[in-house]
Structures are given as C-alpha cells and as structure tokens.
Amino acid sequence: MACAAPKAPAAFHRAGFRRRLKDHVARYTTRFALSGLGQLVLALTSALLLIVTVVFGLHVGSWLAGGALAWFVCVWYLLPLWSRARTRR
C-alpha cells in the first residue's frame, strides 16, 4: 500500500486519458498524491525515531522525530495550503 499511492496518479491518469474525465481524474490523483506524501512523512519520521532512539535514547529520539514531523507537516501541507489561500484573494 505504501508504494502504491505515490504511483497511482500516473496509472489513474492513463486509465482516464481522453475520456473527458479531467475533473474526476484530477480529484482522485490529488488524493493519491497527498496520501503518498502522508505515508512518506510517516516512514521518514519513524526511521528517524528508530535510529535516534537506538543511538541517543527515547527522550532525544522523541523530540527529534516530533520536530521532524512538525517540519514536514508545515512545509508539505500547511505552507502550500496557506499559499493557495493567499493567492485566491
């Protein structure tokens, strides 16, 4: 499942190509792409938590993984949403 979501938009686009399903395809490919980004964030954060916890301990690992998760959420989700809302005005 984790590997399928980032690749699904391309397959979905090919299946709906030239069938006048542009809005439908765009809506679902956006969902697949966001799902893939979410899975990537969880994988990166989990890997960071595992590595830092083994090397430095649970306390440091939790703080660094939490900080990384907050950074990814801000940069990959909140900043684009803020930019999109700002340009609509």
Protein backbone atom coordinates (compact mmCIF):
# COMPACT_ATOMS: atom_id res chain seq x y z
CA MET A 1 0.00 0.00 0.00
CA ALA A 2 2.75 2.42 0.90
CA CYS A 3 4.40 2.07 -2.51
CA ALA A 4 1.15 2.12 -4.47
CA ALA A 5 -0.22 5.54 -3.53
CA PRO A 6 2.58 7.70 -4.99
CA LYS A 7 2.41 5.80 -8.29
CA ALA A 8 -1.37 5.67 -8.52
CA PRO A 9 -1.87 9.15 -10.08
CA ALA A 10 0.02 8.13 -13.22
CA ALA A 11 -1.97 4.93 -13.63
CA PHE A 12 -5.22 6.70 -12.90
CA HIS A 13 -4.40 9.38 -15.46
CA ARG A 14 -3.62 6.80 -18.11
CA ALA A 15 -6.88 4.95 -17.47
CA GLY A 16 -8.94 8.13 -17.82
CA PHE A 17 -6.97 9.70 -20.66
CA ARG A 18 -9.13 11.23 -23.43
CA ARG A 19 -12.39 10.16 -21.81
CA ARG A 20 -13.44 13.63 -20.66
CA LEU A 21 -12.84 12.74 -17.02
CA LYS A 22 -10.41 15.55 -16.26
CA ASP A 23 -12.09 16.77 -13.07
CA HIS A 24 -12.63 13.24 -11.79
CA VAL A 25 -9.05 12.21 -12.53
CA ALA A 26 -7.62 15.41 -11.01
CA ARG A 27 -9.62 14.98 -7.80
CA TYR A 28 -8.54 11.40 -7.24
CA THR A 29 -4.93 11.86 -8.28
CA THR A 30 -4.64 14.69 -5.77
CA ARG A 31 -5.94 12.38 -3.06
CA PHE A 32 -3.47 9.67 -4.06
CA ALA A 33 -0.58 12.12 -4.08
CA LEU A 34 -1.48 13.52 -0.66
CA SER A 35 -1.85 10.00 0.69
CA GLY A 36 1.58 9.11 -0.67
CA LEU A 37 3.11 12.20 0.94
CA GLY A 38 1.50 11.30 4.24
CA GLN A 39 2.91 7.80 4.06
CA LEU A 40 6.34 9.16 3.20
CA VAL A 41 6.22 11.53 6.18
CA LEU A 42 5.33 8.65 8.49
CA ALA A 43 8.09 6.45 7.07
CA LEU A 44 10.77 9.14 7.37
CA THR A 45 9.69 10.12 10.87
CA SER A 46 9.54 6.50 12.02
CA ALA A 47 13.00 5.77 10.62
CA LEU A 48 14.38 8.87 12.33
CA LEU A 49 12.73 7.85 15.61
CA LEU A 50 14.18 4.35 15.41
CA ILE A 51 17.72 5.44 14.58
CA VAL A 52 17.94 8.32 17.06
CA THR A 53 16.31 6.27 19.83
CA VAL A 54 18.89 3.50 19.41
CA VAL A 55 21.80 5.94 19.33
CA PHE A 56 20.76 8.63 21.85
CA GLY A 57 17.76 7.25 23.74
CA LEU A 58 13.99 7.60 23.70
CA HIS A 59 13.83 11.14 25.06
CA VAL A 60 16.06 12.64 22.36
CA GLY A 61 14.55 10.43 19.67
CA SER A 62 11.01 11.51 20.55
CA TRP A 63 11.89 15.19 20.44
CA LEU A 64 13.76 14.96 17.14
CA ALA A 65 11.12 12.80 15.47
CA GLY A 66 8.38 15.13 16.72
CA GLY A 67 10.29 18.13 15.38
CA ALA A 68 10.80 16.44 12.03
CA LEU A 69 7.11 15.54 11.86
CA ALA A 70 6.15 19.14 12.64
CA TRP A 71 8.59 20.41 9.98
CA PHE A 72 7.21 18.07 7.30
CA VAL A 73 3.61 18.98 8.13
CA CYS A 74 4.40 22.68 7.97
CA VAL A 75 6.43 22.58 4.77
CA TRP A 76 4.50 19.92 2.83
CA TYR A 77 0.92 20.69 3.93
CA LEU A 78 0.39 23.96 5.78
CA LEU A 79 2.64 26.19 3.65
CA PRO A 80 1.06 25.06 0.34
CA LEU A 81 -2.45 25.46 1.81
CA TRP A 82 -1.57 28.92 3.10
CA SER A 83 -0.05 29.88 -0.26
CA ARG A 84 -3.11 28.63 -2.13
CA ALA A 85 -5.49 30.53 0.14
CA ARG A 86 -3.38 33.68 -0.17
CA THR A 87 -3.30 33.62 -3.99
CA ARG A 88 -7.08 33.19 -4.27
CA ARG A 89 -7.65 36.69 -2.92
